[in-house]
Structures are given as C-alpha cells and as structure tokens.
Amino acid sequence: MENFRRKLAAILSADVKGYSRLMGDDEASTVRTLTAYREIMAALVRQYSGRVVDSAGDNMLAEFSSVVDAVQCAVDIQEELKARNAEVPENRKMEFRMGINLGDVVEDGDRIYGDGVNVAARLEGLAEEGGICISGTAFDQVENKLSLGYESLGEQVVKNIEKPVRVYRVLMDPEASGKLIGERGTSPRRWHRVALAVMAVLAAGAVAFTIRSFYLRSFPPSEELGTEAPALGLPDKPSIAILPFVNMTEDPKQEYFSDGVTEEIITGLSKVPQLFVIARNSTFTYKGKPVKLRQVGRELGVRYVLEGSVRKAGERVRISAQLIDANTGHHLWAERYDRNLRDIFSIQDEITKNIITALQVELRDGEEARVYGRGTDNLDAYLKFLQGREHSNHFNREGNILARQMYEEAVDLDPEYAVAYLRLSATHLMDLIYGSSKSPQWSLKQAEELTKKALALDDSLAEAYSFLGRIYLTKRQYEKAISEGERAVELDPNSAFAHAALAFTFHYAGRIEESIGLYKKAIRLNPIPQSWYLTGLASSYRIMGRYGEAIALFENVLHSNSDHLLAHMGLASVYGLLGREEEARAEAKEVLRIDPRFSLDHLSSSLLYKNRVDTEHFIDSLRKAGLK
C-alpha cells in the first residue's frame, strides 16, 4: 500500500450522449469527430491547470486542484463544442454530458480511484446532453465565485454510493447568473401555520396531477440502485409503458413540445379500461438515459413499450413512433409522420389509435369519444398550455408565476379549454406551497372555482374530480370527497393519481383497508412512485397496527430524502406505539431539527380524520416520542 496516496481533488467526468447510435450510423466520421473534440477538451483542461487522467472509448476523466477551475473549464468546453456542433447536421452532433465532484481519491501512479471519482461518473449520467451536474461538495466551493446559475436537483441515490448525493445542475445562460433555483431549505417559513393547516392535503399530492413530484427521482430504476429488482408480474390485460419521446429539434427549449406529445398519448391510452398503462411519473425517470427495453419491461411490469422522437421546425413537425414487445424485441408497429404543425392533434390521435389496434383492443360504445377527445383545437392555445406545464415542472415560485401566465394566455385564446383551467387552478395551490399566497383562503377559493369551471366544460375530466375530492376533504365533507374520487377512478382506470388520491380520502374517512388496497394499485400503476404514495400507505399500515411494514416504507422515503418531515413524524409515531423510546425520541429530534416550531396543537387542528379517535391515537403516539 506504500505506492498509494490519498488526496482531495476536483474530478470531471464526461461522456458522449448517444455514442452507440453515432457509431452505428457512421463509425469513421464519429471517430474523427471524437478525436477532434478530445483535443479541444484536453487543451482546455491544460489551460485550467488540470490533467486528463483517462480517455477510454467516449469517456474522459480529468482532475483539478481547484473546483472553480474544473467548473469553468467544463463550461468553456460545452460552449466550444456547442459552437462546433452548430456547423454539423443534427444527426451528427456529438454532445457531452459532464459531472463534477470534489472528493477524496486514491492516487496510484497516473491513475485515480475511489468514491470521489465514482460520484463524478454518476453525476455525468444525471446531466443532460451539453449540460453539467455538480455535487453538493463542489457547489459549496463555487456557488458565489462564478457568473453562473444553479438548479438544485435535491439528493439523488446513485449506483454503488452508500449515501444520497446532493446534486446541482449548472445553468450557463447569462440570464441565470447568480440564481439558485429549487433549493429547499430546512428553516421554517413565515407561512408555516398556513402550510401546516393544509399540509395533510397539499403534501399528499392534491395537485400532483399538475407537477412531477419533488421526489420524482427518489426511487430510480434498479440499474441506478445497483441491484436488480424482481420482475413485476404482468397484468391480465395488454400492458404498456410510453417512454419520453426524444426531442430531435436543434433548440433544447423545444423539449416542452416532445414531452407534451408523450403525455397526450399517455393520457389517451390511460382512459382505455382494457389496457394497463404505466403512469407518466415512472416512465419519465428514464428520460435522457440509455435504456434496454427488456429492463424497462421488467422494472415497470409491462409487455409493451412505445418509444419515439419529435422534430419541430417552423410550421413542420416530424414524429416517429414504434411499438415494441419488451420481452422479445419484436416490433408490432412503427410509423413516421411528416406533417404540418397544425396536424399535431390528428397525429397524436392516429398514434393512439394504432397502438390500440396493434394490441387488439376493441373500444366499447362511448369510449372512443373519451379516448380521442382533446382539450382544444386551437394550436396556439395548446402550445401555451405545454409551455405552462414545462414551467410548472421547475418546482419554484418563478416557474409557477410563468406557468400561470401561460395558462391564462391559453384560456384567453380558447375560453373552452377545460384542462388549461384545471392547471391554472393548481397554480393557486402551489402559491400555498411556495409561500407566495397573499391570502390562503382566496387561493383555495380560486382553485375550487377554476376546478368547477373545468368540469363545467368537460365533465369527463378525471383529474378534476380527484382534485375536487381533495377540496371537499379539506372541508371535511367526506361522502362528497369519496364520491368525487370514485368518479375519477371510474373515468380513468389507469390513473395512479386517481387511485392514490382516493386512497388518501379513505384513510382520513376511516376506511383503512380500502385505503391500503388503493395505494397498492396506485404503486403498481406508478412503480417508481412519488414519496406521498409511500408515506400514505405507511400511515394506513400504522393505523392497522402493521408496524413493520410502516417502518420499512418510512425508511424507504428517508433513504432518498433525509429531511422528509412526514416520514420522520411517521417513524416517531410508530416507535412511540411500539415502546421503542430511544428510537422514537431520535425521530422526534429530527422533526424538531427540520421544523423547530413544530406543535402538536397545530398538527392536531390540521389533521382531517373523520374519527376523533384516529387523531388522538396519532397525537398520543407522537407525545410518547417526546413531541409537544
């Protein structure tokens, strides 16, 4: 071991996005481009006093003594390669993903090893093409030292690394300089009491149909976890997952459009009772990652996978799609559409119809109208809607403000656009979460009115019934809440959200066994679930006295987000009920660390249990853990 020495270093790891495709298309050209780009990268690494450690295949590994130098070097490389790529055809662009970490490494001659290197490699896999992701240790060194912006991606579970890694995306646009987007601090906010009062509904996902969960990446596919998950059993009906369509447009800002095409197809297919359709939240965890269809089928428990691409240029759009048997690799159907942009609605309907036909499903009377029905025929309104949804997915105040503006413009362009009213209603509830609501009562009133407006325009909108059910639950109108939730499940039998939302209502209405069954079905439809599915199911297990199962789920959530308040509260409660005093008090300490102003009185007044005994049971268990 005398030949080894340890040191702290900034590690930059980079690889080519879509390298296998480039080699398959034109091996000689790819090698020439890669060689030229490597020379550019190596020169810039040397310019910033770094050293190229390795450059096998399409990868490059470099080390720096300064994190600031490493990040600035990565930015300069990406900008230089972007300029070079602008001069080549779209299908020959060579774009690198980069990850940077500050960590301890083991040096053996010219080679370096260790978790410091491994984390950088995993961060590279989280980056977009042409993008850079950095670890929390690197961010802490560069936050205020470079003219850049950063977007927090939260804590990520990465392969072969024991603890989750804090991750930030580097924002190179000059307009983003000095901005930090999506950072969730642990200090209590001024609107703490308001948020606590509605926490039981909002935190449980009352607006989950409008956003990807803050914890979307909390439960990655088994390849990222470093273990192979057991295959899920196939449903007794044709089962399908729609992977995110690849944006082939030169402008990455058009990503919202390819995502929109994907979501419209999922929405249409999910309304078919004869199909089993995986939720968007699970399929989008594969976005931007090289995947094997057999692996997707295994992890999501489906027989068929749809993949495709979108290229939008001016008034033209080209969409390619192919339906594949994930088990055999056999292509059941494939088609390419090269049309005017205004034909986008008919293209989406044709793709949906062809999938249904290929899977030998016959629609019953009345089902066709629901499956192929759309929110608008106004292309401009539709594009505004898609842009609004993209802004919503940024999970911050600024994104919510921009989303509301887009949705308002959409309904101005088409006053009959029901789904746009529904998404607009969600922005008012998001004001509560972000603490930007001037009047919580007014925000809730606006949300309810806009939801009812959406239903008045389209009474087949399942999401709106789920949303209305949540609103009735806040008013403790349990039967109304259940009725609306059941209507949502009836209209959209493949909606994971509808099932989970109804499960949440049943939990508070005292119908615990039914709650557990619905949560399990929601998780089957959304196998890579958001955290509120798991905390909800765990809470129902707690009431049923199934403490071991509750503990496992709460710990699962905390493995991905150690600051998850509801999970710590849940564990404090269960340990208190079990008489495990030391563990209960440890979890109570975590609750107070995250929320120093935590109060059982405030919590008790916010809980929505129909049966007073359920409220008292929960509060007493927390009191046993030492909370007051």
Foldseek 3Di string as FASTA:
>chain_A
DVLKDKDKWKKKKKFWQPLVVLCVVPVVLSVVVLVVLVVVLQVLCVVLVKHWLDCPDRMTMIIDRALQSVVVSLLVSLVVLLVVQVPDDLSNRIFMFMEIETDMWMDRPSHIDDPRHVVRVQQSQVGFGSWYKYWPRSCVRCVPPDQWAKEWLQFAQFEPDQATTTMIIIGPPNVRGNYYFDDDDLEADPLNLVCLLQVLQVVLCLPVVLEQFSCLRLFAQVVGHNDHDAFDAADPAAEEEEAQAAESEPDPVCSLVSNVLSVLLLQLLLQAPRYAYFDPSQRDSCPSHDDQLLSVCRLLVHQKYKYWHWYDDDQWIKIKIWIAGSVPRDTLDIDIDIDGNLCSLVVSVVVSVVVCVSSVHDDDPPSSCVSSPAQDSDSQLVVLQSQLSVLVHSLAPVSLVSSLVSLVVSCVVPVLRLVSLQSNLVSLVSCSVRVNDPDNVVSLVSSLVSLVSSCVSPVLPLSSLLSVLSSVLSVLVLVSSLVSLVSSCNSRVNALSSLQSNLSSCLQAVVLVSSLVSLVSSCSSHVSDDLSSLLSNLLSCVVVVVLVSSLVSLVSSCSSPVLDLSSLLSQLLSCLVVVVQVSNLVSVVSNCVSYVPDALVSNLSSRRHPDNVSSVSSSVSNVSNVGD
